[in-house]
Amino acid sequence: MSEGKRDASAGEAVDKTETTSAEAEANTNRTSEPPHASEADPGSEAEHASEAEHSSQARQASDAEPSAGGAPDSAAEGRPASRRGPIAVAVGVFGELLITAGLVLALFVVYSLWWTNVLADRQAKKESDKVREHWAADRGPGNLDTRDGIGFLHAPSMSSDDILVKKGTDPKELNQGIAGYYTEPVKSGLPQDQSGNFALAAHRDGHGAKFHNIDKIDEGDPVVFETKNTWYVYKVFKTLPQTSKYNVDVLDPIPKGSGKKQRGRYITLTTCTPVYTSKYRYIVWGELVRTEDVDEDRTPPAELK
């Protein structure tokens, strides 16, 4: 019986020893494993929180400081701009409309003062060539040839062009880059008439602007009119730089304001003034001094050489 008890006690001692050894090994393993994040040291967590707070405060202080030029830094610039108010929008739209209107006006000026001249000069040359072709085809004497034009005006002090003259002073005629003789409100005389006033009109700007430099004509300057068979040589005796556009008396057979008191063989040139307006009229008067027959070579008179 005593031996049996001793063996049982020895077995229990061995079991206790093995249990104690297993528990010691388990405790050793737990001690050697790194702590889980949730089991981190409270002191270490406080230290990290403090560092993060200091870093955040430093960034905020840096953001609050103005840049070198006094302007907000990129953080401030990143904020969305406020929307424009209705007044600002209206001002912007109005400005764009003004720019558009300015461009349209500029294009209109270019068209009126340059491109219409190009078109009118082309048309005038075409009509002038046609007249001279008719003259060349029929070189014999005859009455004034009025087909496509009655002749050419030469005013050396105003222009070097041969200005075709046709019947009428309506814009439809004058816009072709020619001069026209009046049919109303006063009927113009013609060069071959024994007395009368050969009254002409042409544009001063745009559409050929044949009378653009009318102000270059002075008293004593020659003005010559060329027909198929005759050169009519006039001499300027007076100019009227400005008169009402309703003053039709300057077109009379004895032009009022010219200083002439008796009938004669006169020529009158009229156009708008000042330049680029049609408010007034500029007048030039001349008187016939002689005529010359046209030779086979159409040699111009001395005044045009």
Protein backbone atom coordinates (compact mmCIF):
# COMPACT_ATOMS: atom_id res chain seq x y z
CA MET A 1 0.00 0.00 0.00
CA SER A 2 2.84 2.46 0.82
CA GLU A 3 4.56 1.82 -2.49
CA GLY A 4 1.39 2.48 -4.40
CA LYS A 5 0.95 5.82 -2.66
CA ARG A 6 4.52 6.79 -3.40
CA ASP A 7 4.11 6.02 -7.08
CA ALA A 8 0.92 8.11 -7.26
CA SER A 9 2.59 11.01 -5.55
CA ALA A 10 5.55 10.78 -7.89
CA GLY A 11 3.20 10.82 -10.91
CA GLU A 12 1.37 13.88 -9.67
CA ALA A 13 4.68 15.64 -9.10
CA VAL A 14 5.74 14.89 -12.66
CA ASP A 15 2.41 16.20 -14.00
CA LYS A 16 2.73 19.42 -11.97
CA THR A 17 6.28 19.86 -13.18
CA GLU A 18 5.23 19.48 -16.83
CA THR A 19 2.29 21.90 -16.37
CA THR A 20 4.54 24.49 -14.76
CA SER A 21 7.08 24.14 -17.58
CA ALA A 22 4.35 24.61 -20.26
CA GLU A 23 3.00 27.70 -18.52
CA ALA A 24 6.50 29.16 -18.22
CA GLU A 25 7.12 28.59 -21.96
CA ALA A 26 3.82 30.24 -22.87
CA ASN A 27 4.66 33.25 -20.70
CA THR A 28 8.05 33.45 -22.39
CA ASN A 29 6.47 33.46 -25.87
CA ARG A 30 3.99 36.19 -24.90
CA THR A 31 6.82 38.30 -23.55
CA SER A 32 8.96 37.92 -26.72
CA GLU A 33 6.07 38.88 -29.17
CA PRO A 34 5.78 42.62 -30.10
CA PRO A 35 2.75 44.31 -28.63
CA HIS A 36 -0.27 44.85 -30.90
CA ALA A 37 -1.05 48.34 -32.09
CA SER A 38 -3.92 48.50 -29.67
CA GLU A 39 -1.56 47.44 -26.93
CA ALA A 40 1.05 50.14 -27.66
CA ASP A 41 2.60 52.04 -24.87
CA PRO A 42 0.34 54.91 -23.74
CA GLY A 43 3.37 57.14 -23.25
CA SER A 44 4.47 56.62 -26.85
CA GLU A 45 0.97 57.46 -28.17
CA ALA A 46 0.95 60.75 -26.25
CA GLU A 47 4.35 61.63 -27.62
CA HIS A 48 3.22 61.08 -31.23
CA ALA A 49 0.03 63.09 -30.68
CA SER A 50 2.06 65.99 -29.31
CA GLU A 51 4.39 65.97 -32.32
CA ALA A 52 1.45 65.93 -34.77
CA GLU A 53 -0.16 68.86 -32.95
CA HIS A 54 3.07 70.90 -33.10
CA SER A 55 3.46 70.13 -36.81
CA SER A 56 -0.15 71.19 -37.56
CA GLN A 57 0.31 74.45 -35.63
CA ALA A 58 3.53 75.17 -37.54
CA ARG A 59 1.77 74.68 -40.90
CA GLN A 60 -1.10 76.96 -39.88
CA ALA A 61 1.34 79.67 -38.79
CA SER A 62 3.17 79.39 -42.10
CA ASP A 63 -0.12 79.63 -44.07
CA ALA A 64 -1.16 82.72 -42.12
CA GLU A 65 2.04 84.64 -43.04
CA PRO A 66 1.72 86.82 -46.24
CA SER A 67 4.04 86.19 -49.14
CA ALA A 68 7.01 88.46 -49.92
CA GLY A 69 4.87 90.69 -52.17
CA GLY A 70 2.14 91.04 -49.57
CA ALA A 71 -0.19 88.69 -51.48
CA PRO A 72 -1.73 85.55 -49.99
CA ASP A 73 0.14 82.32 -50.57
CA SER A 74 -0.95 79.39 -52.69
CA ALA A 75 -3.37 78.17 -50.05
CA ALA A 76 -5.28 81.43 -50.24
CA GLU A 77 -5.04 81.46 -54.03
CA GLY A 78 -6.56 78.03 -54.12
CA ARG A 79 -9.84 79.33 -52.76
CA PRO A 80 -12.52 79.72 -55.53
CA ALA A 81 -13.05 83.27 -56.81
CA SER A 82 -16.34 84.90 -56.11
CA ARG A 83 -18.82 85.13 -59.01
CA ARG A 84 -19.10 88.44 -60.91
CA GLY A 85 -22.08 90.56 -60.11
CA PRO A 86 -24.68 91.65 -62.70
CA ILE A 87 -23.06 95.10 -63.12
CA ALA A 88 -19.68 93.58 -63.92
CA VAL A 89 -21.29 91.22 -66.42
CA ALA A 90 -23.17 94.09 -68.08
CA VAL A 91 -20.00 96.19 -68.31
CA GLY A 92 -18.14 93.26 -69.89
CA VAL A 93 -20.87 92.67 -72.48
CA PHE A 94 -21.03 96.39 -73.27
CA GLY A 95 -17.27 96.49 -73.77
CA GLU A 96 -17.39 93.57 -76.19
CA LEU A 97 -20.18 95.26 -78.14
CA LEU A 98 -18.11 98.45 -78.40
CA ILE A 99 -15.14 96.50 -79.74
CA THR A 100 -17.35 94.75 -82.30
CA ALA A 101 -18.91 98.05 -83.36
CA GLY A 102 -15.46 99.58 -83.74
CA LEU A 103 -14.32 96.76 -85.99
CA VAL A 104 -17.46 97.03 -88.13
CA LEU A 105 -16.98 100.80 -88.44
CA ALA A 106 -13.34 100.35 -89.43
CA LEU A 107 -14.31 97.86 -92.13
CA PHE A 108 -16.99 100.25 -93.40
CA VAL A 109 -14.46 103.09 -93.64
CA VAL A 110 -12.04 100.88 -95.56
CA TYR A 111 -14.86 99.85 -97.89
CA SER A 112 -16.11 103.41 -98.42
CA LEU A 113 -12.79 105.16 -98.88
CA TRP A 114 -10.67 102.50 -100.55
CA TRP A 115 -12.54 99.57 -102.00
CA THR A 116 -15.23 101.70 -103.67
CA ASN A 117 -12.41 103.65 -105.35
CA VAL A 118 -10.96 100.42 -106.69
CA LEU A 119 -14.31 99.30 -108.10
CA ALA A 120 -15.18 102.74 -109.51
CA ASP A 121 -11.80 103.16 -111.21
CA ARG A 122 -12.20 99.77 -112.89
CA GLN A 123 -15.64 100.70 -114.15
CA ALA A 124 -14.52 104.16 -115.30
CA LYS A 125 -11.60 102.73 -117.25
CA LYS A 126 -13.90 100.24 -118.95
CA GLU A 127 -16.34 102.99 -119.95
CA SER A 128 -13.53 105.34 -121.03
CA ASP A 129 -11.99 102.69 -123.27
CA LYS A 130 -15.37 102.12 -124.88
CA VAL A 131 -15.77 105.83 -125.67
CA ARG A 132 -12.32 106.08 -127.21
CA GLU A 133 -12.97 102.96 -129.27
CA HIS A 134 -16.11 104.59 -130.69
CA TRP A 135 -14.14 107.70 -131.54
CA ALA A 136 -11.40 105.69 -133.25
CA ALA A 137 -13.93 103.75 -135.31
CA ASP A 138 -15.53 106.93 -136.64
CA ARG A 139 -12.91 109.60 -137.17
CA GLY A 140 -15.02 111.83 -139.39
CA PRO A 141 -16.54 115.14 -138.20
CA GLY A 142 -19.98 115.19 -136.68
CA ASN A 143 -22.09 116.32 -133.77
CA LEU A 144 -21.16 115.70 -130.15
CA ASP A 145 -20.99 111.94 -129.59
CA THR A 146 -22.92 111.14 -126.41
CA ARG A 147 -22.71 107.36 -126.53
CA ASP A 148 -21.39 106.11 -123.16
CA GLY A 149 -20.12 109.63 -122.38
CA ILE A 150 -19.63 113.00 -124.03
CA GLY A 151 -15.89 113.48 -123.44
CA PHE A 152 -13.09 113.83 -120.90
CA LEU A 153 -12.28 116.53 -118.36
CA HIS A 154 -8.63 117.46 -117.79
CA ALA A 155 -7.67 119.60 -114.78
CA PRO A 156 -3.88 119.24 -114.38
CA SER A 157 -3.68 121.05 -111.04
CA MET A 158 -6.34 118.73 -109.58
CA SER A 159 -5.65 115.35 -111.18
CA SER A 160 -3.63 113.66 -113.88
CA ASP A 161 -6.60 111.47 -114.82
CA ASP A 162 -8.76 111.76 -117.90
CA ILE A 163 -12.15 112.08 -116.18
CA LEU A 164 -15.00 110.66 -118.22
CA VAL A 165 -18.08 112.90 -118.29
CA LYS A 166 -21.56 111.46 -118.69
CA LYS A 167 -25.10 112.77 -118.47
CA GLY A 168 -26.60 113.09 -114.99
CA THR A 169 -25.42 113.63 -111.43
CA ASP A 170 -27.34 110.88 -109.64
CA PRO A 171 -25.29 108.62 -107.35
CA LYS A 172 -25.93 105.79 -109.81
CA GLU A 173 -23.89 107.71 -112.38
CA LEU A 174 -21.25 109.32 -110.17
CA ASN A 175 -20.52 106.07 -108.31
CA GLN A 176 -19.02 104.74 -111.55
CA GLY A 177 -15.97 106.95 -110.96
CA ILE A 178 -16.97 109.61 -113.50
CA ALA A 179 -18.14 113.23 -113.53
CA GLY A 180 -21.65 114.10 -114.62
CA TYR A 181 -23.27 117.21 -116.05
CA TYR A 182 -26.42 118.54 -114.41
CA THR A 183 -29.86 117.95 -115.85
CA GLU A 184 -31.68 119.19 -112.73
CA PRO A 185 -32.46 121.32 -110.79
CA VAL A 186 -30.71 123.48 -113.41
CA LYS A 187 -30.08 122.20 -116.89
CA SER A 188 -26.43 122.43 -117.77
CA GLY A 189 -25.15 123.99 -120.95
CA LEU A 190 -22.79 121.99 -123.16
CA PRO A 191 -19.33 123.00 -124.39
CA GLN A 192 -20.42 123.55 -127.99
CA ASP A 193 -23.22 125.95 -126.96
CA GLN A 194 -22.61 129.57 -127.92
CA SER A 195 -23.42 130.58 -124.37
CA GLY A 196 -24.23 128.79 -121.16
CA ASN A 197 -22.72 127.17 -118.08
CA PHE A 198 -21.25 123.68 -118.47
CA ALA A 199 -21.86 122.53 -114.86
CA LEU A 200 -20.26 119.30 -113.59
CA ALA A 201 -20.26 117.28 -110.37
CA ALA A 202 -18.17 114.37 -109.06
CA HIS A 203 -17.36 112.66 -105.77
CA ARG A 204 -14.65 114.07 -103.54
CA ASP A 205 -14.14 110.88 -101.49
CA GLY A 206 -15.01 107.30 -102.32
CA HIS A 207 -16.33 105.94 -105.61
CA GLY A 208 -13.33 107.16 -107.57
CA ALA A 209 -13.05 110.56 -105.78
CA LYS A 210 -12.37 112.33 -109.09
CA PHE A 211 -12.68 115.80 -107.52
CA HIS A 212 -10.77 114.93 -104.33
CA ASN A 213 -8.11 117.61 -104.89
CA ILE A 214 -10.39 120.32 -106.20
CA ASP A 215 -8.92 122.68 -103.59
CA LYS A 216 -5.61 122.51 -105.51
CA ILE A 217 -7.12 124.47 -108.38
CA ASP A 218 -6.23 128.19 -108.30
CA GLU A 219 -7.33 131.18 -110.31
CA GLY A 220 -5.59 131.23 -113.68
CA ASP A 221 -5.23 127.40 -113.88
CA PRO A 222 -6.35 125.69 -117.09
CA VAL A 223 -9.27 123.28 -117.32
CA VAL A 224 -9.67 121.44 -120.63
CA PHE A 225 -12.58 119.45 -121.96
CA GLU A 226 -11.89 116.91 -124.69
CA THR A 227 -14.55 115.74 -127.15
CA LYS A 228 -14.28 113.59 -130.23
CA ASN A 229 -13.34 116.51 -132.49
CA THR A 230 -12.54 119.50 -130.26
CA TRP A 231 -10.43 120.64 -127.31
CA TYR A 232 -12.21 123.28 -125.19
CA VAL A 233 -9.72 125.28 -123.15
CA TYR A 234 -11.05 127.13 -120.09
CA LYS A 235 -9.28 129.37 -117.59
CA VAL A 236 -10.28 129.41 -113.92
CA PHE A 237 -11.32 132.88 -112.79
CA LYS A 238 -12.79 132.23 -109.35
CA THR A 239 -13.26 129.61 -106.63
CA LEU A 240 -15.84 129.41 -103.85
CA PRO A 241 -14.46 127.16 -101.07
CA GLN A 242 -17.78 126.79 -99.25
CA THR A 243 -21.45 127.35 -99.96
CA SER A 244 -24.73 125.70 -99.05
CA LYS A 245 -25.50 122.46 -100.80
CA TYR A 246 -28.90 123.97 -101.58
CA ASN A 247 -27.34 126.90 -103.43
CA VAL A 248 -28.25 126.01 -107.02
CA ASP A 249 -27.71 129.57 -108.25
CA VAL A 250 -24.05 128.73 -108.81
CA LEU A 251 -25.25 126.59 -111.74
CA ASP A 252 -27.12 129.37 -113.54
CA PRO A 253 -26.14 130.34 -117.10
CA ILE A 254 -24.63 133.44 -115.49
CA PRO A 255 -23.48 131.78 -112.25
CA LYS A 256 -24.44 133.78 -109.19
CA GLY A 257 -21.50 134.55 -106.92
CA SER A 258 -18.95 134.20 -109.72
CA GLY A 259 -18.75 137.93 -110.32
CA LYS A 260 -19.88 137.58 -113.94
CA LYS A 261 -22.70 139.84 -115.13
CA GLN A 262 -23.12 138.80 -118.74
CA ARG A 263 -23.74 135.56 -120.52
CA GLY A 264 -20.69 133.67 -121.66
CA ARG A 265 -19.27 130.20 -122.14
CA TYR A 266 -18.56 129.06 -118.60
CA ILE A 267 -17.61 125.84 -116.85
CA THR A 268 -18.48 125.05 -113.22
CA LEU A 269 -17.04 122.24 -111.11
CA THR A 270 -18.89 121.26 -107.93
CA THR A 271 -18.23 118.74 -105.16
CA CYS A 272 -18.72 118.16 -101.44
CA THR A 273 -16.71 119.90 -98.72
CA PRO A 274 -15.11 119.48 -96.21
CA VAL A 275 -13.48 116.24 -97.31
CA TYR A 276 -15.34 113.13 -96.11
CA THR A 277 -18.53 115.10 -95.52
CA SER A 278 -21.37 116.41 -97.67
CA LYS A 279 -22.36 119.39 -95.55
CA TYR A 280 -21.30 122.10 -98.02
CA ARG A 281 -20.27 122.50 -101.66
CA TYR A 282 -16.95 123.59 -103.16
CA ILE A 283 -17.22 125.55 -106.43
CA VAL A 284 -14.72 126.33 -109.20
CA TRP A 285 -15.63 128.61 -112.15
CA GLY A 286 -13.81 128.91 -115.47
CA GLU A 287 -14.38 130.71 -118.76
CA LEU A 288 -13.68 129.47 -122.27
CA VAL A 289 -10.62 131.13 -123.79
CA ARG A 290 -10.27 129.13 -127.02
CA THR A 291 -10.94 125.88 -128.85
CA GLU A 292 -8.66 123.62 -130.89
CA ASP A 293 -9.50 120.96 -133.43
CA VAL A 294 -8.40 117.44 -132.64
CA ASP A 295 -5.77 116.16 -135.08
CA GLU A 296 -5.21 112.59 -136.17
CA ASP A 297 -2.80 111.98 -133.31
CA ARG A 298 -5.09 113.64 -130.76
CA THR A 299 -2.25 115.96 -129.78
CA PRO A 300 -3.27 117.74 -126.57
CA PRO A 301 -3.18 121.53 -126.29
CA ALA A 302 -0.20 123.26 -124.72
CA GLU A 303 -1.99 123.49 -121.33
CA LEU A 304 -1.82 119.70 -121.00
CA LYS A 305 1.77 119.16 -122.13
